């Protein structure tokens, strides 16, 4: 009887593994970026030019998907070289000592046809905090070359002070030159692996 139970469990595990689908990221149509408030009156955006992502699904609607991504801090780009160098310094990311930003999902739950809640651990400067992000599903299509593609826009806010990005010069009115809240803006175009 014990052997039968073990055989059933192994068969179920094999079936689960077989049902999984891996998705890679189409980097030329994806972006891992962010936005911060500058001087309390405007938004400044940036992105990481070098990043990797891995998505694994067990069904067609992405509910319960596993999502991981890493970004190379040294590839930060805010369209201003002097500012980029400051962001890579110890005032912010300390890219020399902590070269990777890492995210690993804990859950990806469907809210309705187009929306999901993504919960996971975000690590910056070796500090890991749980974050909750909103994910909007753009749809799944077959492109003209026969590839299956899926699209998501993911966003949410984090407090940069939670991760040791400590620079906080103030302005006369009492606000910060750079806001403590950072909006993550992630656009993903995924390729279904064959």
N, C-alpha and C. Protein backbone atom coordinates (compact mmCIF):
# COMPACT_ATOMS: atom_id res chain seq x y z
N UNK A 1 0.83 -1.20 0.00
CA UNK A 1 0.00 0.00 0.00
C UNK A 1 0.87 1.26 0.00
N UNK A 2 1.95 1.25 0.81
CA UNK A 2 2.86 2.39 0.88
C UNK A 2 3.50 2.63 -0.47
N UNK A 3 3.90 1.57 -1.17
CA UNK A 3 4.51 1.70 -2.49
C UNK A 3 3.53 2.32 -3.48
N UNK A 4 2.26 1.97 -3.38
CA UNK A 4 1.24 2.52 -4.27
C UNK A 4 1.08 4.03 -4.05
N UNK A 5 1.08 4.46 -2.77
CA UNK A 5 0.96 5.89 -2.45
C UNK A 5 2.15 6.66 -3.00
N UNK A 6 3.34 6.11 -2.83
CA UNK A 6 4.55 6.77 -3.34
C UNK A 6 4.49 6.88 -4.86
N UNK A 7 4.05 5.81 -5.52
CA UNK A 7 3.94 5.82 -6.98
C UNK A 7 2.95 6.88 -7.45
N UNK A 8 1.83 7.02 -6.75
CA UNK A 8 0.82 8.02 -7.11
C UNK A 8 1.38 9.44 -6.93
N UNK A 9 2.10 9.66 -5.81
CA UNK A 9 2.71 10.98 -5.57
C UNK A 9 3.74 11.32 -6.64
N UNK A 10 4.56 10.35 -7.02
CA UNK A 10 5.56 10.58 -8.06
C UNK A 10 4.90 10.88 -9.40
N UNK A 11 3.84 10.18 -9.71
CA UNK A 11 3.11 10.41 -10.95
C UNK A 11 2.49 11.81 -10.96
N UNK A 12 1.92 12.21 -9.84
CA UNK A 12 1.33 13.55 -9.73
C UNK A 12 2.40 14.62 -9.89
N UNK A 13 3.56 14.42 -9.26
CA UNK A 13 4.66 15.38 -9.37
C UNK A 13 5.16 15.47 -10.80
N UNK A 14 5.26 14.33 -11.47
CA UNK A 14 5.71 14.32 -12.87
C UNK A 14 4.70 15.04 -13.76
N UNK A 15 3.41 14.85 -13.50
CA UNK A 15 2.38 15.52 -14.28
C UNK A 15 2.44 17.02 -14.09
N UNK A 16 2.68 17.45 -12.84
CA UNK A 16 2.79 18.88 -12.55
C UNK A 16 3.97 19.49 -13.29
N UNK A 17 5.11 18.82 -13.25
CA UNK A 17 6.30 19.32 -13.92
C UNK A 17 6.06 19.41 -15.42
N UNK A 18 5.37 18.41 -15.97
CA UNK A 18 5.12 18.38 -17.41
C UNK A 18 4.19 19.52 -17.82
N UNK A 19 3.27 19.91 -16.92
CA UNK A 19 2.29 20.93 -17.25
C UNK A 19 2.87 22.34 -17.19
N UNK A 20 4.02 22.51 -16.60
CA UNK A 20 4.59 23.84 -16.47
C UNK A 20 5.05 24.40 -17.82
N UNK A 21 4.90 25.71 -17.96
CA UNK A 21 5.35 26.40 -19.15
C UNK A 21 6.34 27.49 -18.74
N UNK A 22 7.45 27.56 -19.45
CA UNK A 22 8.44 28.60 -19.18
C UNK A 22 8.29 29.72 -20.20
N UNK A 23 8.46 30.94 -19.71
CA UNK A 23 8.39 32.13 -20.55
C UNK A 23 9.69 32.90 -20.39
N UNK A 24 10.24 33.37 -21.49
CA UNK A 24 11.41 34.25 -21.44
C UNK A 24 10.95 35.67 -21.74
N UNK A 25 11.83 36.61 -21.49
CA UNK A 25 11.48 38.00 -21.69
C UNK A 25 12.03 38.49 -23.02
N UNK A 26 11.22 39.21 -23.76
CA UNK A 26 11.66 39.85 -24.99
C UNK A 26 12.21 41.22 -24.59
N UNK A 27 13.53 41.31 -24.46
CA UNK A 27 14.16 42.51 -23.91
C UNK A 27 13.95 43.74 -24.79
N UNK A 28 13.84 43.54 -26.09
CA UNK A 28 13.68 44.70 -26.97
C UNK A 28 12.30 45.33 -26.86
N UNK A 29 11.36 44.63 -26.20
CA UNK A 29 10.01 45.17 -26.02
C UNK A 29 9.61 45.18 -24.54
N UNK A 30 10.59 45.22 -23.66
CA UNK A 30 10.33 45.21 -22.22
C UNK A 30 11.18 46.27 -21.53
N UNK A 31 10.77 46.64 -20.32
CA UNK A 31 11.51 47.66 -19.57
C UNK A 31 11.31 47.45 -18.07
N UNK A 32 12.39 47.55 -17.34
CA UNK A 32 12.32 47.60 -15.87
C UNK A 32 12.73 49.01 -15.49
N UNK A 33 11.75 49.81 -15.07
CA UNK A 33 12.02 51.21 -14.81
C UNK A 33 11.43 51.69 -13.51
N UNK A 34 11.58 52.99 -13.27
CA UNK A 34 11.11 53.60 -12.03
C UNK A 34 10.87 55.09 -12.26
N UNK A 35 10.14 55.68 -11.34
CA UNK A 35 9.87 57.11 -11.39
C UNK A 35 9.91 57.65 -9.96
N UNK A 36 10.51 58.84 -9.80
CA UNK A 36 10.54 59.50 -8.49
C UNK A 36 10.10 60.95 -8.67
N UNK A 37 9.60 61.54 -7.60
CA UNK A 37 9.26 62.96 -7.61
C UNK A 37 10.52 63.76 -7.32
N UNK A 38 10.76 64.78 -8.14
CA UNK A 38 11.93 65.66 -7.98
C UNK A 38 11.46 67.05 -7.58
N UNK A 39 12.02 67.57 -6.48
CA UNK A 39 11.70 68.91 -5.97
C UNK A 39 10.20 69.09 -5.70
N UNK A 40 9.52 68.01 -5.44
CA UNK A 40 8.10 67.97 -5.07
C UNK A 40 7.18 68.34 -6.25
N UNK A 41 7.72 68.70 -7.40
CA UNK A 41 6.86 69.24 -8.47
C UNK A 41 6.90 68.46 -9.78
N UNK A 42 7.91 67.61 -9.99
CA UNK A 42 8.00 66.90 -11.27
C UNK A 42 8.40 65.45 -11.05
N UNK A 43 8.22 64.65 -12.09
CA UNK A 43 8.61 63.25 -12.06
C UNK A 43 9.86 63.05 -12.93
N UNK A 44 10.80 62.29 -12.42
CA UNK A 44 11.99 61.91 -13.17
C UNK A 44 11.98 60.40 -13.31
N UNK A 45 12.17 59.91 -14.53
CA UNK A 45 12.12 58.47 -14.78
C UNK A 45 13.51 57.92 -15.08
N UNK A 46 13.65 56.64 -14.82
CA UNK A 46 14.88 55.94 -15.14
C UNK A 46 14.59 54.49 -15.45
N UNK A 47 15.60 53.77 -15.85
CA UNK A 47 15.45 52.35 -16.17
C UNK A 47 16.78 51.65 -15.96
N UNK A 48 16.71 50.31 -15.98
CA UNK A 48 17.91 49.48 -15.97
C UNK A 48 18.03 48.88 -17.36
N UNK A 49 19.15 49.15 -18.03
CA UNK A 49 19.32 48.67 -19.40
C UNK A 49 19.59 47.17 -19.47
N UNK A 50 20.19 46.61 -18.42
CA UNK A 50 20.51 45.18 -18.41
C UNK A 50 19.69 44.48 -17.33
N UNK A 51 18.90 43.50 -17.74
CA UNK A 51 18.06 42.77 -16.79
C UNK A 51 17.73 41.39 -17.35
N UNK A 52 17.31 40.52 -16.45
CA UNK A 52 16.89 39.16 -16.79
C UNK A 52 15.58 38.87 -16.07
N UNK A 53 14.77 38.03 -16.67
CA UNK A 53 13.52 37.63 -16.03
C UNK A 53 13.18 36.20 -16.41
N UNK A 54 12.52 35.52 -15.48
CA UNK A 54 12.09 34.14 -15.71
C UNK A 54 10.69 33.99 -15.15
N UNK A 55 9.78 33.51 -15.98
CA UNK A 55 8.39 33.32 -15.57
C UNK A 55 8.01 31.87 -15.86
N UNK A 56 7.42 31.21 -14.87
CA UNK A 56 6.96 29.83 -15.04
C UNK A 56 5.49 29.78 -14.67
N UNK A 57 4.67 29.19 -15.56
CA UNK A 57 3.24 29.08 -15.31
C UNK A 57 2.81 27.62 -15.32
N UNK A 58 1.72 27.36 -14.59
CA UNK A 58 1.17 26.00 -14.56
C UNK A 58 -0.15 25.93 -15.31
N UNK A 59 -0.64 27.09 -15.80
CA UNK A 59 -1.89 27.11 -16.54
C UNK A 59 -1.88 28.28 -17.51
N UNK A 60 -2.91 28.38 -18.31
CA UNK A 60 -2.94 29.37 -19.38
C UNK A 60 -3.24 30.79 -18.89
N UNK A 61 -3.85 30.93 -17.71
CA UNK A 61 -4.24 32.29 -17.29
C UNK A 61 -3.22 32.95 -16.36
N UNK A 62 -2.08 32.36 -16.16
CA UNK A 62 -0.97 32.91 -15.37
C UNK A 62 -1.23 32.91 -13.87
N UNK A 63 -2.42 32.54 -13.42
CA UNK A 63 -2.69 32.50 -11.98
C UNK A 63 -1.72 31.55 -11.31
N UNK A 64 -1.03 32.03 -10.28
CA UNK A 64 -0.06 31.20 -9.57
C UNK A 64 1.31 31.15 -10.22
N UNK A 65 1.55 32.00 -11.22
CA UNK A 65 2.85 31.99 -11.90
C UNK A 65 3.98 32.32 -10.93
N UNK A 66 5.16 31.80 -11.23
CA UNK A 66 6.38 32.13 -10.50
C UNK A 66 7.15 33.14 -11.34
N UNK A 67 7.54 34.27 -10.72
CA UNK A 67 8.19 35.35 -11.44
C UNK A 67 9.47 35.75 -10.70
N UNK A 68 10.55 35.81 -11.44
CA UNK A 68 11.83 36.27 -10.89
C UNK A 68 12.45 37.24 -11.87
N UNK A 69 13.06 38.30 -11.34
CA UNK A 69 13.85 39.16 -12.22
C UNK A 69 15.03 39.74 -11.47
N UNK A 70 16.07 40.03 -12.21
CA UNK A 70 17.24 40.72 -11.68
C UNK A 70 17.58 41.87 -12.61
N UNK A 71 18.10 42.94 -12.03
CA UNK A 71 18.55 44.09 -12.82
C UNK A 71 19.96 44.44 -12.40
N UNK A 72 20.78 44.78 -13.37
CA UNK A 72 22.16 45.20 -13.14
C UNK A 72 22.16 46.68 -12.76
N UNK A 73 22.50 46.97 -11.51
CA UNK A 73 22.48 48.35 -11.02
C UNK A 73 23.43 49.23 -11.82
N UNK A 74 24.54 48.68 -12.29
CA UNK A 74 25.51 49.46 -13.07
C UNK A 74 24.96 49.89 -14.42
N UNK A 75 23.79 49.36 -14.81
CA UNK A 75 23.20 49.74 -16.09
C UNK A 75 22.10 50.79 -15.93
N UNK A 76 22.02 51.41 -14.75
CA UNK A 76 20.98 52.41 -14.50
C UNK A 76 21.11 53.55 -15.50
N UNK A 77 19.96 54.04 -15.97
CA UNK A 77 19.97 55.09 -16.99
C UNK A 77 18.81 56.04 -16.73
N UNK A 78 19.15 57.27 -16.30
CA UNK A 78 18.14 58.31 -16.09
C UNK A 78 18.31 59.43 -17.11
N UNK A 79 19.05 59.16 -18.16
CA UNK A 79 19.28 60.12 -19.24
C UNK A 79 20.13 61.31 -18.79
N UNK A 80 20.93 61.08 -17.73
CA UNK A 80 21.84 62.11 -17.22
C UNK A 80 23.01 61.38 -16.57
N UNK A 81 24.17 61.42 -17.20
CA UNK A 81 25.32 60.63 -16.74
C UNK A 81 25.76 60.98 -15.32
N UNK A 82 25.77 62.28 -14.98
CA UNK A 82 26.18 62.70 -13.65
C UNK A 82 25.23 62.15 -12.59
N UNK A 83 23.93 62.21 -12.88
CA UNK A 83 22.94 61.67 -11.94
C UNK A 83 23.08 60.15 -11.82
N UNK A 84 23.31 59.48 -12.95
CA UNK A 84 23.49 58.02 -12.92
C UNK A 84 24.66 57.63 -12.03
N UNK A 85 25.76 58.38 -12.12
CA UNK A 85 26.93 58.10 -11.28
C UNK A 85 26.59 58.29 -9.81
N UNK A 86 25.80 59.33 -9.50
CA UNK A 86 25.40 59.56 -8.11
C UNK A 86 24.52 58.41 -7.62
N UNK A 87 23.60 57.94 -8.46
CA UNK A 87 22.73 56.82 -8.07
C UNK A 87 23.52 55.54 -7.83
N UNK A 88 24.63 55.36 -8.53
CA UNK A 88 25.45 54.16 -8.34
C UNK A 88 26.37 54.27 -7.12
N UNK A 89 26.45 55.47 -6.53
CA UNK A 89 27.32 55.68 -5.37
C UNK A 89 26.66 55.15 -4.09
N UNK A 90 27.37 55.27 -2.97
CA UNK A 90 26.85 54.77 -1.69
C UNK A 90 25.68 55.61 -1.18
N UNK A 91 25.47 56.79 -1.72
CA UNK A 91 24.29 57.58 -1.33
C UNK A 91 23.00 56.84 -1.70
N UNK A 92 23.09 56.03 -2.75
CA UNK A 92 21.92 55.31 -3.23
C UNK A 92 22.21 53.81 -3.30
N UNK A 93 22.48 53.27 -4.48
CA UNK A 93 22.56 51.82 -4.66
C UNK A 93 23.88 51.18 -4.23
N UNK A 94 24.97 51.93 -4.22
CA UNK A 94 26.31 51.37 -4.00
C UNK A 94 26.51 50.17 -4.95
N UNK A 95 26.53 50.47 -6.23
CA UNK A 95 26.59 49.44 -7.26
C UNK A 95 27.84 48.59 -7.18
N UNK A 96 28.93 49.16 -6.69
CA UNK A 96 30.17 48.37 -6.60
C UNK A 96 30.02 47.22 -5.61
N UNK A 97 29.38 47.48 -4.48
CA UNK A 97 29.23 46.46 -3.45
C UNK A 97 27.96 45.62 -3.65
N UNK A 98 26.90 46.23 -4.20
CA UNK A 98 25.61 45.55 -4.37
C UNK A 98 25.16 45.70 -5.82
N UNK A 99 25.72 44.93 -6.74
CA UNK A 99 25.49 45.17 -8.17
C UNK A 99 24.15 44.69 -8.72
N UNK A 100 23.36 43.97 -7.93
CA UNK A 100 22.10 43.41 -8.44
C UNK A 100 20.90 43.84 -7.61
N UNK A 101 19.83 44.13 -8.31
CA UNK A 101 18.51 44.29 -7.72
C UNK A 101 17.78 42.99 -8.05
N UNK A 102 17.16 42.35 -7.06
CA UNK A 102 16.58 41.00 -7.25
C UNK A 102 15.14 40.98 -6.75
N UNK A 103 14.26 40.36 -7.54
CA UNK A 103 12.87 40.15 -7.13
C UNK A 103 12.51 38.69 -7.32
N UNK A 104 11.86 38.09 -6.31
CA UNK A 104 11.36 36.72 -6.39
C UNK A 104 9.94 36.69 -5.86
N UNK A 105 9.03 36.21 -6.69
CA UNK A 105 7.61 36.22 -6.30
C UNK A 105 7.31 35.18 -5.22
N UNK A 106 6.29 35.51 -4.42
CA UNK A 106 5.72 34.57 -3.46
C UNK A 106 4.34 34.13 -3.93
N UNK A 107 3.63 35.03 -4.59
CA UNK A 107 2.31 34.69 -5.13
C UNK A 107 1.98 35.62 -6.29
N UNK A 108 1.16 35.11 -7.20
CA UNK A 108 0.67 35.89 -8.34
C UNK A 108 -0.79 35.48 -8.51
N UNK A 109 -1.70 36.32 -7.99
CA UNK A 109 -3.11 35.94 -7.92
C UNK A 109 -3.97 36.78 -8.84
N UNK A 110 -4.84 36.08 -9.56
CA UNK A 110 -5.76 36.73 -10.48
C UNK A 110 -6.86 37.44 -9.70
N UNK A 111 -7.08 38.73 -10.02
CA UNK A 111 -8.13 39.52 -9.39
C UNK A 111 -9.36 39.54 -10.29
N UNK A 112 -9.14 39.75 -11.59
CA UNK A 112 -10.21 39.68 -12.59
C UNK A 112 -9.55 39.37 -13.94
N UNK A 113 -10.28 39.51 -15.03
CA UNK A 113 -9.76 39.10 -16.35
C UNK A 113 -8.44 39.76 -16.72
N UNK A 114 -8.22 40.99 -16.27
CA UNK A 114 -7.04 41.74 -16.70
C UNK A 114 -6.07 42.08 -15.57
N UNK A 115 -6.43 41.82 -14.33
CA UNK A 115 -5.61 42.29 -13.21
C UNK A 115 -5.19 41.16 -12.26
N UNK A 116 -3.95 41.29 -11.79
CA UNK A 116 -3.37 40.34 -10.85
C UNK A 116 -2.70 41.12 -9.73
N UNK A 117 -2.53 40.46 -8.58
CA UNK A 117 -1.72 40.99 -7.49
C UNK A 117 -0.46 40.15 -7.41
N UNK A 118 0.69 40.82 -7.45
CA UNK A 118 1.99 40.17 -7.38
C UNK A 118 2.63 40.50 -6.04
N UNK A 119 2.92 39.48 -5.25
CA UNK A 119 3.58 39.65 -3.95
C UNK A 119 4.91 38.92 -4.02
N UNK A 120 5.97 39.59 -3.56
CA UNK A 120 7.27 38.94 -3.59
C UNK A 120 8.30 39.69 -2.78
N UNK A 121 9.50 39.15 -2.74
CA UNK A 121 10.61 39.75 -2.02
C UNK A 121 11.49 40.54 -2.98
N UNK A 122 11.69 41.81 -2.65
CA UNK A 122 12.56 42.68 -3.43
C UNK A 122 13.82 42.93 -2.61
N UNK A 123 14.97 42.68 -3.22
CA UNK A 123 16.27 42.86 -2.55
C UNK A 123 17.06 43.96 -3.24
N UNK A 124 17.41 44.97 -2.45
CA UNK A 124 18.27 46.07 -2.89
C UNK A 124 19.30 46.28 -1.79
N UNK A 125 20.58 46.40 -2.15
CA UNK A 125 21.67 46.58 -1.17
C UNK A 125 21.64 45.46 -0.12
N UNK A 126 21.32 44.25 -0.51
CA UNK A 126 21.24 43.09 0.38
C UNK A 126 20.17 43.23 1.46
N UNK A 127 19.25 44.16 1.28
CA UNK A 127 18.10 44.32 2.18
C UNK A 127 16.88 43.79 1.44
N UNK A 128 16.19 42.84 2.05
CA UNK A 128 15.04 42.21 1.41
C UNK A 128 13.76 42.59 2.14
N UNK A 129 12.79 43.09 1.38
CA UNK A 129 11.48 43.46 1.92
C UNK A 129 10.39 42.88 1.02
N UNK A 130 9.28 42.50 1.63
CA UNK A 130 8.15 42.03 0.84
C UNK A 130 7.41 43.23 0.24
N UNK A 131 7.07 43.12 -1.04
CA UNK A 131 6.33 44.18 -1.72
C UNK A 131 5.10 43.58 -2.39
N UNK A 132 4.08 44.41 -2.56
CA UNK A 132 2.88 44.02 -3.30
C UNK A 132 2.75 44.96 -4.49
N UNK A 133 2.66 44.37 -5.68
CA UNK A 133 2.60 45.14 -6.92
C UNK A 133 1.32 44.79 -7.68
N UNK A 134 0.87 45.73 -8.48
CA UNK A 134 -0.28 45.51 -9.36
C UNK A 134 0.21 45.08 -10.73
N UNK A 135 -0.41 44.07 -11.30
CA UNK A 135 -0.05 43.60 -12.65
C UNK A 135 -1.27 43.64 -13.54
N UNK A 136 -1.14 44.30 -14.68
CA UNK A 136 -2.23 44.38 -15.66
C UNK A 136 -1.86 43.51 -16.85
N UNK A 137 -2.72 42.56 -17.14
CA UNK A 137 -2.51 41.61 -18.23
C UNK A 137 -2.96 42.23 -19.54
N UNK A 138 -2.04 42.31 -20.51
CA UNK A 138 -2.37 42.90 -21.80
C UNK A 138 -2.96 41.91 -22.78
N UNK A 139 -2.75 40.62 -22.52
CA UNK A 139 -3.27 39.59 -23.40
C UNK A 139 -2.19 38.64 -23.90
N UNK A 140 -2.62 37.59 -24.59
CA UNK A 140 -1.73 36.61 -25.20
C UNK A 140 -2.10 36.49 -26.67
N UNK A 141 -1.08 36.51 -27.54
CA UNK A 141 -1.32 36.42 -28.97
C UNK A 141 -0.28 35.52 -29.63
N UNK A 142 -0.53 35.17 -30.87
CA UNK A 142 0.47 34.51 -31.70
C UNK A 142 0.97 35.54 -32.70
N UNK A 143 2.30 35.80 -32.71
CA UNK A 143 2.84 36.81 -33.62
C UNK A 143 2.93 36.28 -35.05
N UNK A 144 3.29 37.12 -36.02
CA UNK A 144 3.33 36.67 -37.42
C UNK A 144 4.32 35.54 -37.70
N UNK A 145 5.22 35.25 -36.76
CA UNK A 145 6.22 34.20 -36.94
C UNK A 145 5.87 32.92 -36.18
N UNK A 146 4.66 32.89 -35.63
CA UNK A 146 4.19 31.69 -34.95
C UNK A 146 4.57 31.58 -33.49
N UNK A 147 5.12 32.65 -32.91
CA UNK A 147 5.51 32.64 -31.49
C UNK A 147 4.35 33.11 -30.61
N UNK A 148 4.18 32.46 -29.47
CA UNK A 148 3.16 32.89 -28.52
C UNK A 148 3.75 33.94 -27.60
N UNK A 149 3.06 35.08 -27.51
CA UNK A 149 3.53 36.22 -26.72
C UNK A 149 2.47 36.60 -25.70
N UNK A 150 2.92 37.10 -24.56
CA UNK A 150 2.01 37.62 -23.54
C UNK A 150 2.58 38.93 -23.01
N UNK A 151 1.71 39.83 -22.59
CA UNK A 151 2.16 41.12 -22.11
C UNK A 151 1.59 41.48 -20.75
N UNK A 152 2.44 42.13 -19.93
CA UNK A 152 2.04 42.61 -18.61
C UNK A 152 2.65 43.98 -18.34
N UNK A 153 1.90 44.81 -17.64
CA UNK A 153 2.45 46.03 -17.05
C UNK A 153 2.33 45.89 -15.54
N UNK A 154 3.46 46.02 -14.85
CA UNK A 154 3.50 45.84 -13.40
C UNK A 154 3.96 47.15 -12.76
N UNK A 155 3.24 47.59 -11.73
CA UNK A 155 3.69 48.80 -11.04
C UNK A 155 3.33 48.74 -9.56
N UNK A 156 3.97 49.62 -8.82
CA UNK A 156 3.75 49.70 -7.38
C UNK A 156 4.79 50.61 -6.77
N UNK A 157 4.56 51.02 -5.52
CA UNK A 157 5.46 51.95 -4.85
C UNK A 157 6.27 51.25 -3.77
N UNK A 158 7.52 51.69 -3.64
CA UNK A 158 8.36 51.27 -2.52
C UNK A 158 8.95 52.51 -1.85
N UNK A 159 9.36 52.36 -0.60
CA UNK A 159 10.05 53.42 0.13
C UNK A 159 11.55 53.16 0.01
N UNK A 160 12.26 54.06 -0.66
CA UNK A 160 13.70 53.82 -0.89
C UNK A 160 14.51 53.79 0.41
N UNK A 161 14.04 54.49 1.45
CA UNK A 161 14.74 54.47 2.72
C UNK A 161 14.74 53.07 3.35
N UNK A 162 13.72 52.27 3.04
CA UNK A 162 13.66 50.90 3.55
C UNK A 162 14.84 50.06 3.07
N UNK A 163 15.45 50.47 1.95
CA UNK A 163 16.53 49.70 1.33
C UNK A 163 17.89 50.39 1.47
N UNK A 164 17.98 51.40 2.31
CA UNK A 164 19.26 52.04 2.55
C UNK A 164 19.68 53.04 1.47
N UNK A 165 18.75 53.44 0.60
CA UNK A 165 19.03 54.50 -0.38
C UNK A 165 18.79 55.82 0.34
N UNK A 166 19.80 56.29 1.06
CA UNK A 166 19.61 57.21 2.16
C UNK A 166 19.71 58.70 1.85
N UNK A 167 20.21 59.07 0.69
CA UNK A 167 20.41 60.49 0.39
C UNK A 167 19.08 61.21 0.47
N UNK A 168 19.04 62.34 1.25
CA UNK A 168 17.74 62.97 1.48
C UNK A 168 17.84 64.48 1.67
N UNK A 169 18.53 65.16 0.77
CA UNK A 169 18.62 66.62 0.85
C UNK A 169 17.22 67.23 0.79
N UNK A 170 17.01 68.25 1.64
CA UNK A 170 15.69 68.90 1.70
C UNK A 170 15.71 70.24 0.97
N UNK A 171 14.52 70.68 0.57
CA UNK A 171 14.39 72.00 -0.04
C UNK A 171 13.75 72.95 0.97
N UNK A 172 13.70 74.24 0.64
CA UNK A 172 13.22 75.27 1.57
C UNK A 172 11.84 74.99 2.13
N UNK A 173 10.97 74.44 1.30
CA UNK A 173 9.58 74.20 1.74
C UNK A 173 9.44 72.97 2.62
N UNK A 174 10.53 72.23 2.83
CA UNK A 174 10.51 71.07 3.71
C UNK A 174 10.43 69.75 3.01
N UNK A 175 10.13 69.75 1.72
CA UNK A 175 10.10 68.50 0.97
C UNK A 175 11.52 68.03 0.63
N UNK A 176 11.60 66.85 0.05
CA UNK A 176 12.89 66.29 -0.34
C UNK A 176 13.18 66.57 -1.81
N UNK A 177 14.46 66.72 -2.12
CA UNK A 177 14.87 66.88 -3.52
C UNK A 177 14.42 65.66 -4.32
N UNK A 178 14.62 64.47 -3.73
CA UNK A 178 14.17 63.22 -4.34
C UNK A 178 13.21 62.56 -3.36
N UNK A 179 12.01 62.22 -3.82
CA UNK A 179 11.00 61.64 -2.93
C UNK A 179 11.46 60.32 -2.32
N UNK A 180 10.93 60.03 -1.14
CA UNK A 180 11.24 58.74 -0.52
C UNK A 180 10.51 57.61 -1.24
N UNK A 181 9.35 57.91 -1.82
CA UNK A 181 8.58 56.90 -2.55
C UNK A 181 9.05 56.80 -3.99
N UNK A 182 9.27 55.57 -4.42
CA UNK A 182 9.70 55.30 -5.79
C UNK A 182 8.65 54.41 -6.43
N UNK A 183 8.17 54.81 -7.61
CA UNK A 183 7.21 53.98 -8.34
C UNK A 183 7.97 53.05 -9.28
N UNK A 184 7.75 51.76 -9.13
CA UNK A 184 8.31 50.78 -10.06
C UNK A 184 7.39 50.67 -11.26
N UNK A 185 7.97 50.68 -12.45
CA UNK A 185 7.20 50.59 -13.69
C UNK A 185 7.86 49.53 -14.57
N UNK A 186 7.20 48.37 -14.67
CA UNK A 186 7.80 47.24 -15.37
C UNK A 186 6.87 46.80 -16.50
N UNK A 187 7.36 46.89 -17.72
CA UNK A 187 6.61 46.43 -18.89
C UNK A 187 7.27 45.19 -19.42
N UNK A 188 6.51 44.11 -19.51
CA UNK A 188 7.07 42.82 -19.94
C UNK A 188 6.34 42.28 -21.16
N UNK A 189 7.12 41.95 -22.18
CA UNK A 189 6.61 41.16 -23.30
C UNK A 189 7.29 39.79 -23.21
N UNK A 190 6.49 38.75 -23.06
CA UNK A 190 7.00 37.42 -22.79
C UNK A 190 6.92 36.53 -24.02
N UNK A 191 7.89 35.65 -24.16
CA UNK A 191 7.90 34.64 -25.21
C UNK A 191 7.67 33.28 -24.58
N UNK A 192 6.67 32.56 -25.04
CA UNK A 192 6.42 31.20 -24.57
C UNK A 192 7.47 30.26 -25.16
N UNK A 193 8.15 29.53 -24.26
CA UNK A 193 9.18 28.61 -24.72
C UNK A 193 8.56 27.36 -25.35
N UNK A 194 9.13 26.94 -26.45
CA UNK A 194 8.58 25.77 -27.17
C UNK A 194 9.23 24.48 -26.70
